[in-house]
């Protein structure tokens, strides 16, 4: 986080950090500044089309800067080949399927394996890996910061664009997703030819993850976050189902 702050990426400044258990809390901790603003989807409700486009273009420029960060001194997991990056993602999805007692998952795993991109398409970069509107803060009609860097790795750059587009569309804002993808592509000149693969794989992941995440938030006393996720859950799941079925030609009937 400190490296990103130095690079002028809009992240919360780390005020205090201890990765050990030898502290008064007896647990690793990080204290960061509180960013001003509200999440992107709340913000766009009060902005006109021109201002929305300006904010999305600023976010796209910032994401492109993130993807160009020098990772030499960053202590993050680095996937030097695409195969290992995708295999790690598949393992995570399979773990979620097991935790949620999902039935008939094999057909979807088969689709992922059959459609996975090949090594020649790998756009290796530093990625946020959870880049979506609820982690993007806006204040005074401008980007004020990006939250939740726990999953950051060196991996496929298209994943950040896919995550943003998927959850923006699933939340009911398809035009925002299209505008952002176009802005990012114009700024970066990155081919997004495989983005539908990543959108679909992430959609499967999120469909499995949302019920588990809501349950965990409740069990850990994060009731405000649980209530917020619960308020979105029906709409998100409905749109995730539509996206998965349209992209795979598989039915989610009996999936869970």
C-alpha atoms as a PDB file:
ATOM      1  CA  UNK A   1       0.000   0.000   0.000  1.00  0.00           C
ATOM      2  CA  UNK A   2       2.812   2.411   0.827  1.00  0.00           C
ATOM      3  CA  UNK A   3       4.409   1.735  -2.563  1.00  0.00           C
ATOM      4  CA  UNK A   4       1.110   2.460  -4.317  1.00  0.00           C
ATOM      5  CA  UNK A   5       0.661   5.662  -2.311  1.00  0.00           C
ATOM      6  CA  UNK A   6       4.149   6.770  -3.342  1.00  0.00           C
ATOM      7  CA  UNK A   7       3.225   5.988  -6.967  1.00  0.00           C
ATOM      8  CA  UNK A   8       0.290   8.424  -6.528  1.00  0.00           C
ATOM      9  CA  UNK A   9      -2.298   5.685  -6.945  1.00  0.00           C
ATOM     10  CA  UNK A  10      -5.347   6.907  -4.950  1.00  0.00           C
ATOM     11  CA  UNK A  11      -5.260   4.457  -2.052  1.00  0.00           C
ATOM     12  CA  UNK A  12      -5.753   5.036   1.681  1.00  0.00           C
ATOM     13  CA  UNK A  13      -2.523   6.082   3.355  1.00  0.00           C
ATOM     14  CA  UNK A  14      -1.226   3.458   5.786  1.00  0.00           C
ATOM     15  CA  UNK A  15      -0.888   5.075   9.216  1.00  0.00           C
ATOM     16  CA  UNK A  16       0.339   2.059  11.153  1.00  0.00           C
ATOM     17  CA  UNK A  17       1.032  -1.561  10.256  1.00  0.00           C
ATOM     18  CA  UNK A  18       2.256  -4.641  12.105  1.00  0.00           C
ATOM     19  CA  UNK A  19       2.311  -8.022  10.302  1.00  0.00           C
ATOM     20  CA  UNK A  20       3.259  -9.925  13.454  1.00  0.00           C
ATOM     21  CA  UNK A  21       1.400 -11.205  16.507  1.00  0.00           C
ATOM     22  CA  UNK A  22       3.811  -9.386  18.873  1.00  0.00           C
ATOM     23  CA  UNK A  23       1.659  -6.331  19.487  1.00  0.00           C
ATOM     24  CA  UNK A  24      -1.063  -5.250  21.955  1.00  0.00           C
ATOM     25  CA  UNK A  25      -3.759  -6.738  19.681  1.00  0.00           C
ATOM     26  CA  UNK A  26      -1.849 -10.027  19.401  1.00  0.00           C
ATOM     27  CA  UNK A  27      -2.807 -10.110  15.734  1.00  0.00           C
ATOM     28  CA  UNK A  28      -1.536  -8.565  12.473  1.00  0.00           C
ATOM     29  CA  UNK A  29      -3.233  -5.249  11.771  1.00  0.00           C
ATOM     30  CA  UNK A  30      -3.228  -2.245   9.458  1.00  0.00           C
ATOM     31  CA  UNK A  31      -4.597   1.209  10.296  1.00  0.00           C
ATOM     32  CA  UNK A  32      -5.388   3.379   7.275  1.00  0.00           C
ATOM     33  CA  UNK A  33      -6.898   6.785   6.694  1.00  0.00           C
ATOM     34  CA  UNK A  34     -10.600   6.972   5.961  1.00  0.00           C
ATOM     35  CA  UNK A  35     -11.249   8.009   2.365  1.00  0.00           C
ATOM     36  CA  UNK A  36     -13.824  10.661   1.621  1.00  0.00           C
ATOM     37  CA  UNK A  37     -16.777   9.966  -0.639  1.00  0.00           C
ATOM     38  CA  UNK A  38     -19.288   7.307  -1.561  1.00  0.00           C
ATOM     39  CA  UNK A  39     -19.052   4.291  -3.833  1.00  0.00           C
ATOM     40  CA  UNK A  40     -19.264   4.808  -7.580  1.00  0.00           C
ATOM     41  CA  UNK A  41     -22.803   3.469  -8.050  1.00  0.00           C
ATOM     42  CA  UNK A  42     -24.152   5.737  -5.328  1.00  0.00           C
ATOM     43  CA  UNK A  43     -22.294   8.677  -6.839  1.00  0.00           C
ATOM     44  CA  UNK A  44     -23.588   8.280 -10.406  1.00  0.00           C
ATOM     45  CA  UNK A  45     -27.173   8.655  -9.196  1.00  0.00           C
ATOM     46  CA  UNK A  46     -26.444  12.354  -8.658  1.00  0.00           C
ATOM     47  CA  UNK A  47     -24.348  13.023 -11.783  1.00  0.00           C
ATOM     48  CA  UNK A  48     -25.337  13.892 -15.326  1.00  0.00           C
ATOM     49  CA  UNK A  49     -24.052  11.913 -18.311  1.00  0.00           C
ATOM     50  CA  UNK A  50     -21.092  14.232 -19.003  1.00  0.00           C
ATOM     51  CA  UNK A  51     -19.880  14.075 -15.404  1.00  0.00           C
ATOM     52  CA  UNK A  52     -20.356  10.292 -15.303  1.00  0.00           C
ATOM     53  CA  UNK A  53     -18.260   9.905 -18.447  1.00  0.00           C
ATOM     54  CA  UNK A  54     -15.545  12.127 -16.948  1.00  0.00           C
ATOM     55  CA  UNK A  55     -15.431  10.044 -13.767  1.00  0.00           C
ATOM     56  CA  UNK A  56     -15.320   6.767 -15.716  1.00  0.00           C
ATOM     57  CA  UNK A  57     -12.516   8.101 -17.908  1.00  0.00           C
ATOM     58  CA  UNK A  58     -10.571   9.097 -14.777  1.00  0.00           C
ATOM     59  CA  UNK A  59     -11.102   5.622 -13.312  1.00  0.00           C
ATOM     60  CA  UNK A  60      -9.964   4.021 -16.587  1.00  0.00           C
ATOM     61  CA  UNK A  61      -6.808   6.182 -16.607  1.00  0.00           C
ATOM     62  CA  UNK A  62      -6.098   5.237 -12.994  1.00  0.00           C
ATOM     63  CA  UNK A  63      -6.575   1.537 -13.708  1.00  0.00           C
ATOM     64  CA  UNK A  64      -4.148   1.817 -16.625  1.00  0.00           C
ATOM     65  CA  UNK A  65      -1.610   3.410 -14.259  1.00  0.00           C
ATOM     66  CA  UNK A  66      -2.159   0.567 -11.782  1.00  0.00           C
ATOM     67  CA  UNK A  67      -1.462  -1.959 -14.530  1.00  0.00           C
ATOM     68  CA  UNK A  68       1.859  -0.235 -15.260  1.00  0.00           C
ATOM     69  CA  UNK A  69       3.117  -0.193 -11.659  1.00  0.00           C
ATOM     70  CA  UNK A  70       6.636  -1.598 -11.300  1.00  0.00           C
ATOM     71  CA  UNK A  71       6.202  -4.751  -9.206  1.00  0.00           C
ATOM     72  CA  UNK A  72       9.901  -5.432  -8.597  1.00  0.00           C
ATOM     73  CA  UNK A  73       9.698  -4.450  -4.936  1.00  0.00           C
ATOM     74  CA  UNK A  74       6.055  -5.304  -4.328  1.00  0.00           C
ATOM     75  CA  UNK A  75       5.440  -8.264  -2.043  1.00  0.00           C
ATOM     76  CA  UNK A  76       2.551  -9.775  -3.973  1.00  0.00           C
ATOM     77  CA  UNK A  77       1.972 -13.142  -5.594  1.00  0.00           C
ATOM     78  CA  UNK A  78       3.287 -13.106  -9.151  1.00  0.00           C
ATOM     79  CA  UNK A  79       1.894 -15.389 -11.845  1.00  0.00           C
ATOM     80  CA  UNK A  80       4.553 -15.432 -14.539  1.00  0.00           C
ATOM     81  CA  UNK A  81       2.502 -17.682 -16.829  1.00  0.00           C
ATOM     82  CA  UNK A  82      -1.180 -17.476 -17.687  1.00  0.00           C
ATOM     83  CA  UNK A  83      -1.813 -21.168 -17.047  1.00  0.00           C
ATOM     84  CA  UNK A  84      -0.935 -20.891 -13.361  1.00  0.00           C
ATOM     85  CA  UNK A  85      -3.036 -17.730 -13.002  1.00  0.00           C
ATOM     86  CA  UNK A  86      -6.129 -19.365 -14.492  1.00  0.00           C
ATOM     87  CA  UNK A  87      -5.527 -22.628 -12.614  1.00  0.00           C
ATOM     88  CA  UNK A  88      -5.446 -20.661  -9.366  1.00  0.00           C
ATOM     89  CA  UNK A  89      -8.753 -19.014 -10.259  1.00  0.00           C
ATOM     90  CA  UNK A  90     -10.355 -22.353 -11.104  1.00  0.00           C
ATOM     91  CA  UNK A  91      -9.162 -23.797  -7.798  1.00  0.00           C
ATOM     92  CA  UNK A  92     -10.799 -20.901  -5.981  1.00  0.00           C
ATOM     93  CA  UNK A  93     -14.085 -21.424  -7.827  1.00  0.00           C
ATOM     94  CA  UNK A  94     -14.041 -25.156  -7.096  1.00  0.00           C
ATOM     95  CA  UNK A  95     -13.432 -24.415  -3.416  1.00  0.00           C
ATOM     96  CA  UNK A  96     -16.498 -22.150  -3.366  1.00  0.00           C
ATOM     97  CA  UNK A  97     -18.536 -24.866  -5.104  1.00  0.00           C
ATOM     98  CA  UNK A  98     -17.522 -27.321  -2.401  1.00  0.00           C
ATOM     99  CA  UNK A  99     -18.278 -24.908   0.456  1.00  0.00           C
ATOM    100  CA  UNK A 100     -21.726 -24.157  -0.955  1.00  0.00           C
ATOM    101  CA  UNK A 101     -22.502 -27.821  -1.676  1.00  0.00           C
ATOM    102  CA  UNK A 102     -23.094 -26.989  -5.325  1.00  0.00           C
ATOM    103  CA  UNK A 103     -24.550 -29.674  -7.562  1.00  0.00           C
ATOM    104  CA  UNK A 104     -23.728 -30.295 -11.227  1.00  0.00           C
ATOM    105  CA  UNK A 105     -20.697 -27.993 -11.149  1.00  0.00           C
ATOM    106  CA  UNK A 106     -18.787 -30.259 -13.566  1.00  0.00           C
ATOM    107  CA  UNK A 107     -20.462 -28.807 -16.677  1.00  0.00           C
ATOM    108  CA  UNK A 108     -19.364 -25.298 -15.762  1.00  0.00           C
ATOM    109  CA  UNK A 109     -15.841 -26.394 -14.905  1.00  0.00           C
ATOM    110  CA  UNK A 110     -15.721 -28.126 -18.292  1.00  0.00           C
ATOM    111  CA  UNK A 111     -16.785 -24.891 -20.007  1.00  0.00           C
ATOM    112  CA  UNK A 112     -14.046 -22.943 -18.214  1.00  0.00           C
ATOM    113  CA  UNK A 113     -11.384 -25.484 -19.161  1.00  0.00           C
ATOM    114  CA  UNK A 114     -12.531 -25.660 -22.783  1.00  0.00           C
ATOM    115  CA  UNK A 115     -12.645 -21.878 -23.288  1.00  0.00           C
ATOM    116  CA  UNK A 116      -9.613 -20.771 -21.318  1.00  0.00           C
ATOM    117  CA  UNK A 117      -7.322 -18.338 -23.205  1.00  0.00           C
ATOM    118  CA  UNK A 118      -3.929 -19.509 -24.375  1.00  0.00           C
ATOM    119  CA  UNK A 119      -0.551 -18.271 -23.208  1.00  0.00           C
ATOM    120  CA  UNK A 120      -0.029 -15.953 -26.192  1.00  0.00           C
ATOM    121  CA  UNK A 121      -2.846 -13.679 -25.010  1.00  0.00           C
ATOM    122  CA  UNK A 122      -1.386 -13.073 -21.526  1.00  0.00           C
ATOM    123  CA  UNK A 123      -1.330  -9.365 -20.584  1.00  0.00           C
ATOM    124  CA  UNK A 124       0.740  -9.716 -17.415  1.00  0.00           C
ATOM    125  CA  UNK A 125       0.407  -6.721 -15.073  1.00  0.00           C
ATOM    126  CA  UNK A 126      -0.084  -5.686 -11.487  1.00  0.00           C
ATOM    127  CA  UNK A 127      -3.837  -6.017 -10.924  1.00  0.00           C
ATOM    128  CA  UNK A 128      -6.208  -5.038  -8.126  1.00  0.00           C
ATOM    129  CA  UNK A 129      -8.102  -8.335  -8.653  1.00  0.00           C
ATOM    130  CA  UNK A 130     -11.302  -7.085  -7.017  1.00  0.00           C
ATOM    131  CA  UNK A 131     -11.856  -3.945  -9.070  1.00  0.00           C
ATOM    132  CA  UNK A 132     -15.544  -3.087  -8.961  1.00  0.00           C
ATOM    133  CA  UNK A 133     -17.759  -0.040  -8.264  1.00  0.00           C
ATOM    134  CA  UNK A 134     -18.231  -0.822  -4.567  1.00  0.00           C
ATOM    135  CA  UNK A 135     -14.455  -0.538  -4.057  1.00  0.00           C
ATOM    136  CA  UNK A 136     -14.208   2.757  -5.956  1.00  0.00           C
ATOM    137  CA  UNK A 137     -14.841   5.950  -3.998  1.00  0.00           C
ATOM    138  CA  UNK A 138     -16.034   9.222  -5.506  1.00  0.00           C
ATOM    139  CA  UNK A 139     -16.028  12.616  -3.792  1.00  0.00           C
ATOM    140  CA  UNK A 140     -16.968  15.996  -5.276  1.00  0.00           C
ATOM    141  CA  UNK A 141     -17.590  14.387  -8.671  1.00  0.00           C
ATOM    142  CA  UNK A 142     -14.037  12.974  -8.812  1.00  0.00           C
ATOM    143  CA  UNK A 143     -12.311   9.694  -8.023  1.00  0.00           C
ATOM    144  CA  UNK A 144     -11.143   9.877  -4.404  1.00  0.00           C
ATOM    145  CA  UNK A 145      -9.733   6.401  -3.869  1.00  0.00           C
ATOM    146  CA  UNK A 146      -9.708   2.656  -4.434  1.00  0.00           C
ATOM    147  CA  UNK A 147     -10.269   0.254  -1.534  1.00  0.00           C
ATOM    148  CA  UNK A 148      -9.600  -3.393  -0.665  1.00  0.00           C
ATOM    149  CA  UNK A 149      -6.240  -4.413  -2.112  1.00  0.00           C
ATOM    150  CA  UNK A 150      -6.076  -7.750  -0.277  1.00  0.00           C
ATOM    151  CA  UNK A 151      -6.293  -9.812  -3.487  1.00  0.00           C
ATOM    152  CA  UNK A 152      -3.800  -7.798  -5.560  1.00  0.00           C
ATOM    153  CA  UNK A 153      -1.420  -9.954  -7.618  1.00  0.00           C
ATOM    154  CA  UNK A 154       0.563  -9.913 -10.821  1.00  0.00           C
ATOM    155  CA  UNK A 155      -1.848 -11.495 -13.282  1.00  0.00           C
ATOM    156  CA  UNK A 156      -4.078 -10.857 -16.307  1.00  0.00           C
ATOM    157  CA  UNK A 157      -4.938  -7.168 -16.789  1.00  0.00           C
ATOM    158  CA  UNK A 158      -8.267  -8.001 -18.440  1.00  0.00           C
ATOM    159  CA  UNK A 159      -9.515  -9.413 -15.126  1.00  0.00           C
ATOM    160  CA  UNK A 160      -9.840  -5.938 -13.589  1.00  0.00           C
ATOM    161  CA  UNK A 161     -11.862  -4.694 -16.559  1.00  0.00           C
ATOM    162  CA  UNK A 162     -13.970  -7.860 -16.533  1.00  0.00           C
ATOM    163  CA  UNK A 163     -14.678  -7.591 -12.797  1.00  0.00           C
ATOM    164  CA  UNK A 164     -15.723  -3.953 -13.132  1.00  0.00           C
ATOM    165  CA  UNK A 165     -17.951  -4.645 -16.112  1.00  0.00           C
ATOM    166  CA  UNK A 166     -19.539  -7.746 -14.633  1.00  0.00           C
ATOM    167  CA  UNK A 167     -20.564  -6.250 -11.288  1.00  0.00           C
ATOM    168  CA  UNK A 168     -21.560  -2.924 -12.820  1.00  0.00           C
ATOM    169  CA  UNK A 169     -23.873  -4.678 -15.271  1.00  0.00           C
ATOM    170  CA  UNK A 170     -25.137  -7.130 -12.637  1.00  0.00           C
ATOM    171  CA  UNK A 171     -25.997  -4.203 -10.374  1.00  0.00           C
ATOM    172  CA  UNK A 172     -28.158  -2.783 -13.165  1.00  0.00           C
ATOM    173  CA  UNK A 173     -25.845  -0.323 -14.937  1.00  0.00           C
ATOM    174  CA  UNK A 174     -24.935  -1.923 -18.302  1.00  0.00           C
ATOM    175  CA  UNK A 175     -24.235   1.424 -20.013  1.00  0.00           C
ATOM    176  CA  UNK A 176     -21.650   2.307 -17.369  1.00  0.00           C
ATOM    177  CA  UNK A 177     -19.929  -1.011 -18.030  1.00  0.00           C
ATOM    178  CA  UNK A 178     -19.769  -0.391 -21.781  1.00  0.00           C
ATOM    179  CA  UNK A 179     -18.546   3.183 -21.363  1.00  0.00           C
ATOM    180  CA  UNK A 180     -15.819   2.121 -18.952  1.00  0.00           C
ATOM    181  CA  UNK A 181     -14.584  -0.733 -21.167  1.00  0.00           C
ATOM    182  CA  UNK A 182     -14.396   1.586 -24.160  1.00  0.00           C
ATOM    183  CA  UNK A 183     -12.542   4.249 -22.158  1.00  0.00           C
ATOM    184  CA  UNK A 184     -10.037   1.734 -20.810  1.00  0.00           C
ATOM    185  CA  UNK A 185      -9.438   0.211 -24.247  1.00  0.00           C
ATOM    186  CA  UNK A 186      -8.872   3.643 -25.818  1.00  0.00           C
ATOM    187  CA  UNK A 187      -6.409   4.644 -23.096  1.00  0.00           C
ATOM    188  CA  UNK A 188      -4.481   1.369 -22.868  1.00  0.00           C
ATOM    189  CA  UNK A 189      -4.728  -0.031 -26.423  1.00  0.00           C
ATOM    190  CA  UNK A 190      -5.191  -3.378 -24.677  1.00  0.00           C
ATOM    191  CA  UNK A 191      -7.029  -6.040 -26.629  1.00  0.00           C
ATOM    192  CA  UNK A 192     -10.104  -7.214 -24.742  1.00  0.00           C
ATOM    193  CA  UNK A 193     -10.730 -10.204 -26.994  1.00  0.00           C
ATOM    194  CA  UNK A 194     -10.868 -12.673 -24.091  1.00  0.00           C
ATOM    195  CA  UNK A 195     -12.861 -10.474 -21.730  1.00  0.00           C
ATOM    196  CA  UNK A 196     -16.045 -12.572 -22.065  1.00  0.00           C
ATOM    197  CA  UNK A 197     -14.168 -15.600 -20.742  1.00  0.00           C
ATOM    198  CA  UNK A 198     -13.071 -13.693 -17.649  1.00  0.00           C
ATOM    199  CA  UNK A 199     -16.510 -12.093 -17.186  1.00  0.00           C
ATOM    200  CA  UNK A 200     -18.132 -15.536 -17.274  1.00  0.00           C
ATOM    201  CA  UNK A 201     -15.619 -17.186 -14.952  1.00  0.00           C
ATOM    202  CA  UNK A 202     -15.928 -14.337 -12.454  1.00  0.00           C
ATOM    203  CA  UNK A 203     -19.730 -14.457 -12.735  1.00  0.00           C
ATOM    204  CA  UNK A 204     -19.659 -18.120 -11.719  1.00  0.00           C
ATOM    205  CA  UNK A 205     -17.317 -17.261  -8.854  1.00  0.00           C
ATOM    206  CA  UNK A 206     -19.502 -14.401  -7.614  1.00  0.00           C
ATOM    207  CA  UNK A 207     -22.714 -16.413  -7.925  1.00  0.00           C
ATOM    208  CA  UNK A 208     -21.210 -19.004  -5.584  1.00  0.00           C
ATOM    209  CA  UNK A 209     -19.543 -16.469  -3.324  1.00  0.00           C
ATOM    210  CA  UNK A 210     -22.319 -13.979  -2.553  1.00  0.00           C
ATOM    211  CA  UNK A 211     -24.418 -16.218  -0.223  1.00  0.00           C
ATOM    212  CA  UNK A 212     -21.282 -17.356   1.610  1.00  0.00           C
ATOM    213  CA  UNK A 213     -20.040 -13.778   1.906  1.00  0.00           C
ATOM    214  CA  UNK A 214     -23.341 -12.533   3.319  1.00  0.00           C
ATOM    215  CA  UNK A 215     -23.348 -15.347   5.883  1.00  0.00           C
ATOM    216  CA  UNK A 216     -19.755 -14.596   6.908  1.00  0.00           C
ATOM    217  CA  UNK A 217     -20.494 -10.888   7.339  1.00  0.00           C
ATOM    218  CA  UNK A 218     -23.405 -11.687   9.639  1.00  0.00           C
ATOM    219  CA  UNK A 219     -21.388 -14.194  11.660  1.00  0.00           C
ATOM    220  CA  UNK A 220     -18.527 -11.736  12.149  1.00  0.00           C
ATOM    221  CA  UNK A 221     -20.822  -8.918  13.250  1.00  0.00           C
ATOM    222  CA  UNK A 222     -20.425  -6.802  10.102  1.00  0.00           C
ATOM    223  CA  UNK A 223     -24.155  -6.224  10.006  1.00  0.00           C
ATOM    224  CA  UNK A 224     -24.108  -2.996   7.995  1.00  0.00           C
ATOM    225  CA  UNK A 225     -22.141  -4.630   5.179  1.00  0.00           C
ATOM    226  CA  UNK A 226     -24.324  -7.741   5.389  1.00  0.00           C
ATOM    227  CA  UNK A 227     -27.472  -5.629   5.107  1.00  0.00           C
ATOM    228  CA  UNK A 228     -26.052  -3.767   2.110  1.00  0.00           C
ATOM    229  CA  UNK A 229     -25.102  -6.989   0.340  1.00  0.00           C
ATOM    230  CA  UNK A 230     -28.493  -8.493   1.199  1.00  0.00           C
ATOM    231  CA  UNK A 231     -30.260  -5.528  -0.385  1.00  0.00           C
ATOM    232  CA  UNK A 232     -28.383  -6.149  -3.636  1.00  0.00           C
ATOM    233  CA  UNK A 233     -28.336  -9.925  -3.595  1.00  0.00           C
ATOM    234  CA  UNK A 234     -31.552 -10.656  -5.506  1.00  0.00           C
ATOM    235  CA  UNK A 235     -30.716  -8.260  -8.339  1.00  0.00           C
ATOM    236  CA  UNK A 236     -27.086  -9.381  -8.529  1.00  0.00           C
ATOM    237  CA  UNK A 237     -27.927 -13.077  -8.594  1.00  0.00           C
ATOM    238  CA  UNK A 238     -30.639 -12.625 -11.216  1.00  0.00           C
ATOM    239  CA  UNK A 239     -28.255 -10.800 -13.541  1.00  0.00           C
ATOM    240  CA  UNK A 240     -25.350 -13.146 -12.818  1.00  0.00           C
ATOM    241  CA  UNK A 241     -27.555 -16.092 -13.813  1.00  0.00           C
ATOM    242  CA  UNK A 242     -28.510 -14.342 -17.049  1.00  0.00           C
ATOM    243  CA  UNK A 243     -24.881 -13.535 -17.904  1.00  0.00           C
ATOM    244  CA  UNK A 244     -23.660 -17.064 -17.144  1.00  0.00           C
ATOM    245  CA  UNK A 245     -26.417 -18.769 -19.112  1.00  0.00           C
ATOM    246  CA  UNK A 246     -26.054 -16.437 -22.106  1.00  0.00           C
ATOM    247  CA  UNK A 247     -22.285 -16.890 -22.272  1.00  0.00           C
ATOM    248  CA  UNK A 248     -22.127 -20.650 -21.678  1.00  0.00           C
ATOM    249  CA  UNK A 249     -25.432 -21.930 -23.122  1.00  0.00           C
ATOM    250  CA  UNK A 250     -25.706 -23.957 -19.921  1.00  0.00           C
ATOM    251  CA  UNK A 251     -28.671 -23.892 -17.563  1.00  0.00           C
ATOM    252  CA  UNK A 252     -28.286 -22.993 -13.906  1.00  0.00           C
ATOM    253  CA  UNK A 253     -31.405 -25.000 -13.093  1.00  0.00           C
ATOM    254  CA  UNK A 254     -30.350 -27.445 -10.413  1.00  0.00           C
ATOM    255  CA  UNK A 255     -26.979 -25.772 -10.065  1.00  0.00           C
ATOM    256  CA  UNK A 256     -27.514 -25.248  -6.360  1.00  0.00           C
END
